[in-house]
């Protein structure tokens, strides 16, 4: 009986300690749930730093993880290295999910930034000569946009009805232009080696290319919706995450729109309206 009394006493002392430990773990878990790692492109830092400050007052801590290319943010999201990312458009994500078997989703639109052509050698795409080389992004989404821009400027013709054309969809190329697909991050750097380069909006911003220096700009129409950028999460169930919803709500504000105008200098437009 004495032995049983000792065991009962020991358990009685241990239970409150275990309960306190459990409470402590629960509190820690809740706190961790409100720290969200967001993968962004380097030129978006000023926008997200502002959102970071505003959300801190609401008890949401954002850790910004910067990327300089389009190959790693979705992999980082899938691997759990970031909780959200904000860099891609719908066409890009659709192609990514198909190629990688992922189920990444949009949880809120951000902005639309037209793709542009730049050159250190010519003043217009109409100045291109026979055999000239034009560099374009090599991912399915942005290569299609680049080719559509060349078609818009009547430099080439494309097969009708193709949403995201590739070089295989070029039906007319009178100047026998050499279309050179490159990693998006390399297009701006290729300008000294090609007659013209078609560069994504955020890559151009990172390379300090000014809108006034572009020689052609993608027209924004009601057909531009596939190229809207957004905040992404790993799966559809994340759309219901209340902390993530707060982040989207903080982004989609007049304050963000005003800051975008200053930071991006008119190269992008809010896309959530």
C-alpha atoms as a PDB file:
ATOM      1  CA  UNK A   1       0.000   0.000   0.000  1.00  0.00           C
ATOM      2  CA  UNK A   2       2.841   2.394   0.816  1.00  0.00           C
ATOM      3  CA  UNK A   3       4.269   1.809  -2.698  1.00  0.00           C
ATOM      4  CA  UNK A   4       0.913   2.633  -4.332  1.00  0.00           C
ATOM      5  CA  UNK A   5       0.602   5.814  -2.270  1.00  0.00           C
ATOM      6  CA  UNK A   6       4.056   6.935  -3.511  1.00  0.00           C
ATOM      7  CA  UNK A   7       3.094   6.225  -7.159  1.00  0.00           C
ATOM      8  CA  UNK A   8      -0.188   8.189  -6.835  1.00  0.00           C
ATOM      9  CA  UNK A   9       1.635  11.118  -5.229  1.00  0.00           C
ATOM     10  CA  UNK A  10       4.235  11.156  -7.981  1.00  0.00           C
ATOM     11  CA  UNK A  11       1.555  11.156 -10.715  1.00  0.00           C
ATOM     12  CA  UNK A  12      -0.358  13.923  -8.930  1.00  0.00           C
ATOM     13  CA  UNK A  13       2.749  16.122  -8.987  1.00  0.00           C
ATOM     14  CA  UNK A  14       3.638  15.253 -12.585  1.00  0.00           C
ATOM     15  CA  UNK A  15       0.188  15.959 -14.096  1.00  0.00           C
ATOM     16  CA  UNK A  16       0.181  19.750 -13.494  1.00  0.00           C
ATOM     17  CA  UNK A  17       3.703  19.933 -14.957  1.00  0.00           C
ATOM     18  CA  UNK A  18       2.590  18.030 -18.054  1.00  0.00           C
ATOM     19  CA  UNK A  19      -0.489  20.232 -18.356  1.00  0.00           C
ATOM     20  CA  UNK A  20       1.661  23.367 -18.203  1.00  0.00           C
ATOM     21  CA  UNK A  21       4.003  21.933 -20.837  1.00  0.00           C
ATOM     22  CA  UNK A  22       1.059  21.142 -23.088  1.00  0.00           C
ATOM     23  CA  UNK A  23      -0.288  24.669 -22.675  1.00  0.00           C
ATOM     24  CA  UNK A  24       3.140  26.030 -23.458  1.00  0.00           C
ATOM     25  CA  UNK A  25       3.374  23.951 -26.642  1.00  0.00           C
ATOM     26  CA  UNK A  26      -0.097  25.023 -27.713  1.00  0.00           C
ATOM     27  CA  UNK A  27       0.756  28.675 -27.252  1.00  0.00           C
ATOM     28  CA  UNK A  28       4.009  28.248 -29.184  1.00  0.00           C
ATOM     29  CA  UNK A  29       2.169  26.503 -32.019  1.00  0.00           C
ATOM     30  CA  UNK A  30      -0.396  29.296 -32.298  1.00  0.00           C
ATOM     31  CA  UNK A  31       2.376  31.854 -32.405  1.00  0.00           C
ATOM     32  CA  UNK A  32       4.231  29.923 -35.101  1.00  0.00           C
ATOM     33  CA  UNK A  33       1.062  29.709 -37.178  1.00  0.00           C
ATOM     34  CA  UNK A  34       1.028  33.501 -37.419  1.00  0.00           C
ATOM     35  CA  UNK A  35       4.578  33.794 -38.761  1.00  0.00           C
ATOM     36  CA  UNK A  36       4.278  33.458 -42.513  1.00  0.00           C
ATOM     37  CA  UNK A  37       7.216  33.155 -44.899  1.00  0.00           C
ATOM     38  CA  UNK A  38       6.401  34.861 -48.198  1.00  0.00           C
ATOM     39  CA  UNK A  39       8.567  34.373 -51.293  1.00  0.00           C
ATOM     40  CA  UNK A  40       8.799  37.498 -53.435  1.00  0.00           C
ATOM     41  CA  UNK A  41      10.854  38.910 -56.287  1.00  0.00           C
ATOM     42  CA  UNK A  42      13.590  41.312 -55.170  1.00  0.00           C
ATOM     43  CA  UNK A  43      11.993  44.351 -56.824  1.00  0.00           C
ATOM     44  CA  UNK A  44       8.808  43.880 -54.753  1.00  0.00           C
ATOM     45  CA  UNK A  45      10.534  44.356 -51.390  1.00  0.00           C
ATOM     46  CA  UNK A  46       9.304  47.910 -50.771  1.00  0.00           C
ATOM     47  CA  UNK A  47       5.683  46.928 -51.346  1.00  0.00           C
ATOM     48  CA  UNK A  48       5.875  43.890 -49.092  1.00  0.00           C
ATOM     49  CA  UNK A  49       7.834  45.664 -46.365  1.00  0.00           C
ATOM     50  CA  UNK A  50       4.946  48.118 -46.099  1.00  0.00           C
ATOM     51  CA  UNK A  51       2.435  45.254 -45.866  1.00  0.00           C
ATOM     52  CA  UNK A  52       4.694  43.556 -43.323  1.00  0.00           C
ATOM     53  CA  UNK A  53       4.590  46.629 -41.047  1.00  0.00           C
ATOM     54  CA  UNK A  54       0.831  46.991 -41.302  1.00  0.00           C
ATOM     55  CA  UNK A  55       0.161  43.336 -40.521  1.00  0.00           C
ATOM     56  CA  UNK A  56       2.506  43.313 -37.529  1.00  0.00           C
ATOM     57  CA  UNK A  57      -0.028  45.575 -35.789  1.00  0.00           C
ATOM     58  CA  UNK A  58      -2.606  42.822 -36.355  1.00  0.00           C
ATOM     59  CA  UNK A  59      -0.354  40.183 -34.821  1.00  0.00           C
ATOM     60  CA  UNK A  60       0.713  38.668 -38.149  1.00  0.00           C
ATOM     61  CA  UNK A  61       4.465  38.349 -38.652  1.00  0.00           C
ATOM     62  CA  UNK A  62       5.703  38.115 -42.229  1.00  0.00           C
ATOM     63  CA  UNK A  63       9.195  36.909 -43.079  1.00  0.00           C
ATOM     64  CA  UNK A  64      10.174  37.931 -46.605  1.00  0.00           C
ATOM     65  CA  UNK A  65      12.240  35.524 -48.717  1.00  0.00           C
ATOM     66  CA  UNK A  66      13.666  37.109 -51.864  1.00  0.00           C
ATOM     67  CA  UNK A  67      14.112  35.409 -55.242  1.00  0.00           C
ATOM     68  CA  UNK A  68      15.716  36.668 -58.456  1.00  0.00           C
ATOM     69  CA  UNK A  69      14.425  34.061 -60.923  1.00  0.00           C
ATOM     70  CA  UNK A  70      11.183  32.213 -61.704  1.00  0.00           C
ATOM     71  CA  UNK A  71      12.499  28.682 -61.225  1.00  0.00           C
ATOM     72  CA  UNK A  72      12.693  28.528 -57.434  1.00  0.00           C
ATOM     73  CA  UNK A  73       9.675  30.246 -55.772  1.00  0.00           C
ATOM     74  CA  UNK A  74       7.189  27.453 -56.561  1.00  0.00           C
ATOM     75  CA  UNK A  75       9.669  24.741 -55.608  1.00  0.00           C
ATOM     76  CA  UNK A  76      10.270  26.560 -52.320  1.00  0.00           C
ATOM     77  CA  UNK A  77       6.495  26.707 -51.776  1.00  0.00           C
ATOM     78  CA  UNK A  78       6.026  23.022 -52.542  1.00  0.00           C
ATOM     79  CA  UNK A  79       8.952  22.034 -50.298  1.00  0.00           C
ATOM     80  CA  UNK A  80       7.645  24.137 -47.400  1.00  0.00           C
ATOM     81  CA  UNK A  81      10.552  26.593 -47.438  1.00  0.00           C
ATOM     82  CA  UNK A  82       7.974  29.384 -47.839  1.00  0.00           C
ATOM     83  CA  UNK A  83       4.275  29.421 -46.934  1.00  0.00           C
ATOM     84  CA  UNK A  84       3.186  31.722 -49.751  1.00  0.00           C
ATOM     85  CA  UNK A  85       4.762  33.306 -52.796  1.00  0.00           C
ATOM     86  CA  UNK A  86       3.887  36.273 -54.989  1.00  0.00           C
ATOM     87  CA  UNK A  87       5.553  36.398 -58.410  1.00  0.00           C
ATOM     88  CA  UNK A  88       3.565  34.533 -61.071  1.00  0.00           C
ATOM     89  CA  UNK A  89       0.541  34.848 -63.333  1.00  0.00           C
ATOM     90  CA  UNK A  90      -2.212  32.345 -64.113  1.00  0.00           C
ATOM     91  CA  UNK A  91      -0.726  31.059 -67.355  1.00  0.00           C
ATOM     92  CA  UNK A  92       2.654  30.475 -65.703  1.00  0.00           C
ATOM     93  CA  UNK A  93       1.079  28.597 -62.772  1.00  0.00           C
ATOM     94  CA  UNK A  94      -1.109  26.442 -65.012  1.00  0.00           C
ATOM     95  CA  UNK A  95       1.971  25.334 -66.949  1.00  0.00           C
ATOM     96  CA  UNK A  96       3.970  24.791 -63.729  1.00  0.00           C
ATOM     97  CA  UNK A  97       1.275  22.623 -62.094  1.00  0.00           C
ATOM     98  CA  UNK A  98       0.963  20.466 -65.225  1.00  0.00           C
ATOM     99  CA  UNK A  99       4.712  19.929 -65.525  1.00  0.00           C
ATOM    100  CA  UNK A 100       5.401  19.279 -61.837  1.00  0.00           C
ATOM    101  CA  UNK A 101       2.207  17.557 -60.680  1.00  0.00           C
ATOM    102  CA  UNK A 102       1.605  20.249 -58.052  1.00  0.00           C
ATOM    103  CA  UNK A 103      -1.686  21.830 -56.942  1.00  0.00           C
ATOM    104  CA  UNK A 104      -0.538  25.369 -56.160  1.00  0.00           C
ATOM    105  CA  UNK A 105      -3.415  27.876 -56.195  1.00  0.00           C
ATOM    106  CA  UNK A 106      -4.042  31.610 -56.265  1.00  0.00           C
ATOM    107  CA  UNK A 107      -5.491  33.099 -53.079  1.00  0.00           C
ATOM    108  CA  UNK A 108      -5.639  36.746 -54.213  1.00  0.00           C
ATOM    109  CA  UNK A 109      -4.742  38.922 -57.200  1.00  0.00           C
ATOM    110  CA  UNK A 110      -2.000  41.554 -56.963  1.00  0.00           C
ATOM    111  CA  UNK A 111      -1.043  43.422 -60.136  1.00  0.00           C
ATOM    112  CA  UNK A 112      -0.723  43.297 -63.902  1.00  0.00           C
ATOM    113  CA  UNK A 113       2.570  44.357 -65.452  1.00  0.00           C
ATOM    114  CA  UNK A 114       2.856  44.494 -69.264  1.00  0.00           C
ATOM    115  CA  UNK A 115       5.842  42.790 -70.880  1.00  0.00           C
ATOM    116  CA  UNK A 116       8.130  45.128 -72.873  1.00  0.00           C
ATOM    117  CA  UNK A 117      10.833  45.079 -75.534  1.00  0.00           C
ATOM    118  CA  UNK A 118      14.140  46.875 -74.975  1.00  0.00           C
ATOM    119  CA  UNK A 119      17.199  47.487 -77.098  1.00  0.00           C
ATOM    120  CA  UNK A 120      20.559  49.259 -77.034  1.00  0.00           C
ATOM    121  CA  UNK A 121      20.750  49.125 -80.838  1.00  0.00           C
ATOM    122  CA  UNK A 122      17.384  50.099 -82.336  1.00  0.00           C
ATOM    123  CA  UNK A 123      14.599  52.573 -81.542  1.00  0.00           C
ATOM    124  CA  UNK A 124      11.680  50.411 -82.719  1.00  0.00           C
ATOM    125  CA  UNK A 125      10.974  46.776 -83.526  1.00  0.00           C
ATOM    126  CA  UNK A 126      10.299  48.013 -87.043  1.00  0.00           C
ATOM    127  CA  UNK A 127      14.044  48.732 -87.274  1.00  0.00           C
ATOM    128  CA  UNK A 128      14.907  45.037 -87.021  1.00  0.00           C
ATOM    129  CA  UNK A 129      16.933  43.718 -89.952  1.00  0.00           C
ATOM    130  CA  UNK A 130      17.151  40.330 -91.618  1.00  0.00           C
ATOM    131  CA  UNK A 131      18.765  37.702 -89.431  1.00  0.00           C
ATOM    132  CA  UNK A 132      18.651  39.807 -86.243  1.00  0.00           C
ATOM    133  CA  UNK A 133      18.345  37.996 -82.923  1.00  0.00           C
ATOM    134  CA  UNK A 134      15.566  38.746 -80.434  1.00  0.00           C
ATOM    135  CA  UNK A 135      15.736  37.205 -76.962  1.00  0.00           C
ATOM    136  CA  UNK A 136      12.514  36.169 -75.189  1.00  0.00           C
ATOM    137  CA  UNK A 137      11.732  34.479 -71.844  1.00  0.00           C
ATOM    138  CA  UNK A 138      11.796  30.701 -72.142  1.00  0.00           C
ATOM    139  CA  UNK A 139       8.905  29.734 -69.846  1.00  0.00           C
ATOM    140  CA  UNK A 140       5.651  28.830 -71.586  1.00  0.00           C
ATOM    141  CA  UNK A 141       3.679  31.770 -70.224  1.00  0.00           C
ATOM    142  CA  UNK A 142       6.101  34.596 -70.889  1.00  0.00           C
ATOM    143  CA  UNK A 143       7.466  33.209 -74.152  1.00  0.00           C
ATOM    144  CA  UNK A 144       3.886  33.329 -75.428  1.00  0.00           C
ATOM    145  CA  UNK A 145       3.490  36.917 -74.253  1.00  0.00           C
ATOM    146  CA  UNK A 146       6.776  37.905 -75.905  1.00  0.00           C
ATOM    147  CA  UNK A 147       5.781  36.328 -79.220  1.00  0.00           C
ATOM    148  CA  UNK A 148       2.372  37.999 -79.047  1.00  0.00           C
ATOM    149  CA  UNK A 149       4.159  41.326 -78.546  1.00  0.00           C
ATOM    150  CA  UNK A 150       6.257  40.702 -81.666  1.00  0.00           C
ATOM    151  CA  UNK A 151       3.076  39.805 -83.535  1.00  0.00           C
ATOM    152  CA  UNK A 152       1.342  42.900 -82.131  1.00  0.00           C
ATOM    153  CA  UNK A 153       4.133  44.986 -83.673  1.00  0.00           C
ATOM    154  CA  UNK A 154       3.749  43.048 -86.957  1.00  0.00           C
ATOM    155  CA  UNK A 155       7.290  41.659 -86.822  1.00  0.00           C
ATOM    156  CA  UNK A 156       6.025  38.060 -87.067  1.00  0.00           C
ATOM    157  CA  UNK A 157       2.702  36.284 -87.543  1.00  0.00           C
ATOM    158  CA  UNK A 158       1.378  33.531 -85.279  1.00  0.00           C
ATOM    159  CA  UNK A 159      -1.053  30.670 -85.680  1.00  0.00           C
ATOM    160  CA  UNK A 160      -4.536  31.922 -84.816  1.00  0.00           C
ATOM    161  CA  UNK A 161      -6.284  30.823 -81.617  1.00  0.00           C
ATOM    162  CA  UNK A 162      -3.195  29.718 -79.668  1.00  0.00           C
ATOM    163  CA  UNK A 163      -3.319  31.163 -76.122  1.00  0.00           C
ATOM    164  CA  UNK A 164       0.340  30.632 -75.239  1.00  0.00           C
ATOM    165  CA  UNK A 165       2.222  30.345 -78.520  1.00  0.00           C
ATOM    166  CA  UNK A 166       5.741  28.978 -78.866  1.00  0.00           C
ATOM    167  CA  UNK A 167       8.237  29.478 -81.664  1.00  0.00           C
ATOM    168  CA  UNK A 168       6.634  26.472 -83.378  1.00  0.00           C
ATOM    169  CA  UNK A 169       3.486  28.588 -83.826  1.00  0.00           C
ATOM    170  CA  UNK A 170       5.229  31.261 -85.909  1.00  0.00           C
ATOM    171  CA  UNK A 171       3.612  31.170 -89.350  1.00  0.00           C
ATOM    172  CA  UNK A 172       5.460  34.107 -90.901  1.00  0.00           C
ATOM    173  CA  UNK A 173       8.935  35.507 -90.192  1.00  0.00           C
ATOM    174  CA  UNK A 174       9.892  37.566 -93.237  1.00  0.00           C
ATOM    175  CA  UNK A 175      13.062  38.901 -91.632  1.00  0.00           C
ATOM    176  CA  UNK A 176      14.183  35.395 -90.662  1.00  0.00           C
ATOM    177  CA  UNK A 177      14.634  36.647 -87.098  1.00  0.00           C
ATOM    178  CA  UNK A 178      16.454  34.349 -84.702  1.00  0.00           C
ATOM    179  CA  UNK A 179      14.145  34.022 -81.694  1.00  0.00           C
ATOM    180  CA  UNK A 180      16.345  33.108 -78.739  1.00  0.00           C
ATOM    181  CA  UNK A 181      14.516  31.766 -75.635  1.00  0.00           C
ATOM    182  CA  UNK A 182      16.419  32.477 -72.402  1.00  0.00           C
ATOM    183  CA  UNK A 183      15.745  32.146 -68.706  1.00  0.00           C
ATOM    184  CA  UNK A 184      13.639  35.200 -67.832  1.00  0.00           C
ATOM    185  CA  UNK A 185      16.333  36.550 -65.513  1.00  0.00           C
ATOM    186  CA  UNK A 186      18.824  36.514 -68.407  1.00  0.00           C
ATOM    187  CA  UNK A 187      16.775  38.488 -70.951  1.00  0.00           C
ATOM    188  CA  UNK A 188      17.761  41.925 -69.629  1.00  0.00           C
ATOM    189  CA  UNK A 189      21.415  40.851 -69.457  1.00  0.00           C
ATOM    190  CA  UNK A 190      21.308  39.713 -73.093  1.00  0.00           C
ATOM    191  CA  UNK A 191      20.665  43.205 -74.485  1.00  0.00           C
ATOM    192  CA  UNK A 192      24.263  43.790 -75.546  1.00  0.00           C
ATOM    193  CA  UNK A 193      24.282  40.533 -77.503  1.00  0.00           C
ATOM    194  CA  UNK A 194      20.951  40.790 -79.353  1.00  0.00           C
ATOM    195  CA  UNK A 195      19.118  43.334 -81.487  1.00  0.00           C
ATOM    196  CA  UNK A 196      16.224  43.421 -79.006  1.00  0.00           C
ATOM    197  CA  UNK A 197      15.146  41.682 -75.805  1.00  0.00           C
ATOM    198  CA  UNK A 198      11.612  41.114 -74.553  1.00  0.00           C
ATOM    199  CA  UNK A 199      11.757  41.448 -70.775  1.00  0.00           C
ATOM    200  CA  UNK A 200       9.247  40.725 -68.016  1.00  0.00           C
ATOM    201  CA  UNK A 201       8.089  43.676 -65.969  1.00  0.00           C
ATOM    202  CA  UNK A 202       9.715  42.681 -62.678  1.00  0.00           C
ATOM    203  CA  UNK A 203      12.953  41.546 -64.337  1.00  0.00           C
ATOM    204  CA  UNK A 204      13.090  44.917 -66.119  1.00  0.00           C
ATOM    205  CA  UNK A 205      12.555  46.717 -62.812  1.00  0.00           C
ATOM    206  CA  UNK A 206      15.331  44.720 -61.147  1.00  0.00           C
ATOM    207  CA  UNK A 207      17.636  45.589 -64.074  1.00  0.00           C
ATOM    208  CA  UNK A 208      16.754  49.309 -63.693  1.00  0.00           C
ATOM    209  CA  UNK A 209      15.233  49.429 -67.179  1.00  0.00           C
ATOM    210  CA  UNK A 210      12.895  52.403 -67.391  1.00  0.00           C
ATOM    211  CA  UNK A 211       9.514  52.347 -69.070  1.00  0.00           C
ATOM    212  CA  UNK A 212      10.487  55.307 -71.261  1.00  0.00           C
ATOM    213  CA  UNK A 213      13.392  53.281 -72.662  1.00  0.00           C
ATOM    214  CA  UNK A 214      11.209  50.435 -73.914  1.00  0.00           C
ATOM    215  CA  UNK A 215      10.700  50.169 -77.682  1.00  0.00           C
ATOM    216  CA  UNK A 216       7.418  48.205 -77.527  1.00  0.00           C
ATOM    217  CA  UNK A 217       4.809  47.557 -74.822  1.00  0.00           C
ATOM    218  CA  UNK A 218       2.236  44.784 -74.535  1.00  0.00           C
ATOM    219  CA  UNK A 219      -1.286  46.195 -74.850  1.00  0.00           C
ATOM    220  CA  UNK A 220      -3.554  45.597 -71.862  1.00  0.00           C
ATOM    221  CA  UNK A 221      -7.026  44.438 -72.926  1.00  0.00           C
ATOM    222  CA  UNK A 222      -9.890  42.363 -71.526  1.00  0.00           C
ATOM    223  CA  UNK A 223      -7.900  39.346 -72.739  1.00  0.00           C
ATOM    224  CA  UNK A 224      -5.022  40.122 -70.365  1.00  0.00           C
ATOM    225  CA  UNK A 225      -6.516  38.380 -67.320  1.00  0.00           C
ATOM    226  CA  UNK A 226      -4.337  35.228 -67.683  1.00  0.00           C
ATOM    227  CA  UNK A 227      -1.313  37.478 -67.059  1.00  0.00           C
ATOM    228  CA  UNK A 228      -2.512  38.903 -63.744  1.00  0.00           C
ATOM    229  CA  UNK A 229      -0.077  38.223 -60.892  1.00  0.00           C
ATOM    230  CA  UNK A 230      -1.261  36.899 -57.554  1.00  0.00           C
ATOM    231  CA  UNK A 231      -0.374  35.516 -54.133  1.00  0.00           C
ATOM    232  CA  UNK A 232      -0.016  31.728 -54.247  1.00  0.00           C
ATOM    233  CA  UNK A 233      -0.490  28.972 -51.672  1.00  0.00           C
ATOM    234  CA  UNK A 234       0.394  25.282 -51.782  1.00  0.00           C
ATOM    235  CA  UNK A 235      -3.144  23.872 -52.052  1.00  0.00           C
ATOM    236  CA  UNK A 236      -6.835  24.778 -52.200  1.00  0.00           C
ATOM    237  CA  UNK A 237      -7.327  24.189 -48.470  1.00  0.00           C
ATOM    238  CA  UNK A 238      -4.984  27.121 -47.794  1.00  0.00           C
ATOM    239  CA  UNK A 239      -7.599  29.502 -49.207  1.00  0.00           C
ATOM    240  CA  UNK A 240      -9.467  29.138 -45.906  1.00  0.00           C
ATOM    241  CA  UNK A 241      -6.437  30.022 -43.778  1.00  0.00           C
ATOM    242  CA  UNK A 242      -7.504  33.152 -41.871  1.00  0.00           C
ATOM    243  CA  UNK A 243      -3.954  34.462 -41.541  1.00  0.00           C
ATOM    244  CA  UNK A 244      -3.421  34.149 -45.288  1.00  0.00           C
ATOM    245  CA  UNK A 245      -6.728  35.937 -45.857  1.00  0.00           C
ATOM    246  CA  UNK A 246      -5.464  38.832 -43.723  1.00  0.00           C
ATOM    247  CA  UNK A 247      -2.358  39.057 -45.912  1.00  0.00           C
ATOM    248  CA  UNK A 248      -4.445  39.194 -49.094  1.00  0.00           C
ATOM    249  CA  UNK A 249      -6.736  41.802 -47.557  1.00  0.00           C
ATOM    250  CA  UNK A 250      -3.739  43.927 -46.515  1.00  0.00           C
ATOM    251  CA  UNK A 251      -2.327  43.766 -50.032  1.00  0.00           C
ATOM    252  CA  UNK A 252      -5.580  44.665 -51.775  1.00  0.00           C
ATOM    253  CA  UNK A 253      -5.887  48.180 -50.353  1.00  0.00           C
ATOM    254  CA  UNK A 254      -5.756  51.771 -51.578  1.00  0.00           C
ATOM    255  CA  UNK A 255      -2.522  52.207 -49.601  1.00  0.00           C
ATOM    256  CA  UNK A 256      -0.843  49.412 -51.590  1.00  0.00           C
ATOM    257  CA  UNK A 257      -2.181  50.804 -54.881  1.00  0.00           C
ATOM    258  CA  UNK A 258      -0.763  54.233 -54.044  1.00  0.00           C
ATOM    259  CA  UNK A 259       2.611  52.758 -53.112  1.00  0.00           C
ATOM    260  CA  UNK A 260       2.674  50.650 -56.296  1.00  0.00           C
ATOM    261  CA  UNK A 261       2.321  53.807 -58.358  1.00  0.00           C
ATOM    262  CA  UNK A 262       5.380  55.270 -56.624  1.00  0.00           C
ATOM    263  CA  UNK A 263       7.535  52.130 -56.566  1.00  0.00           C
ATOM    264  CA  UNK A 264       6.740  50.725 -59.999  1.00  0.00           C
ATOM    265  CA  UNK A 265       6.546  54.182 -61.633  1.00  0.00           C
ATOM    266  CA  UNK A 266       3.495  53.382 -63.717  1.00  0.00           C
ATOM    267  CA  UNK A 267       4.752  50.039 -65.045  1.00  0.00           C
ATOM    268  CA  UNK A 268       2.046  48.049 -63.257  1.00  0.00           C
ATOM    269  CA  UNK A 269      -1.648  48.429 -62.430  1.00  0.00           C
ATOM    270  CA  UNK A 270      -3.585  47.000 -59.450  1.00  0.00           C
ATOM    271  CA  UNK A 271      -5.408  43.877 -60.585  1.00  0.00           C
ATOM    272  CA  UNK A 272      -7.803  43.227 -57.728  1.00  0.00           C
ATOM    273  CA  UNK A 273     -10.333  45.886 -58.735  1.00  0.00           C
END
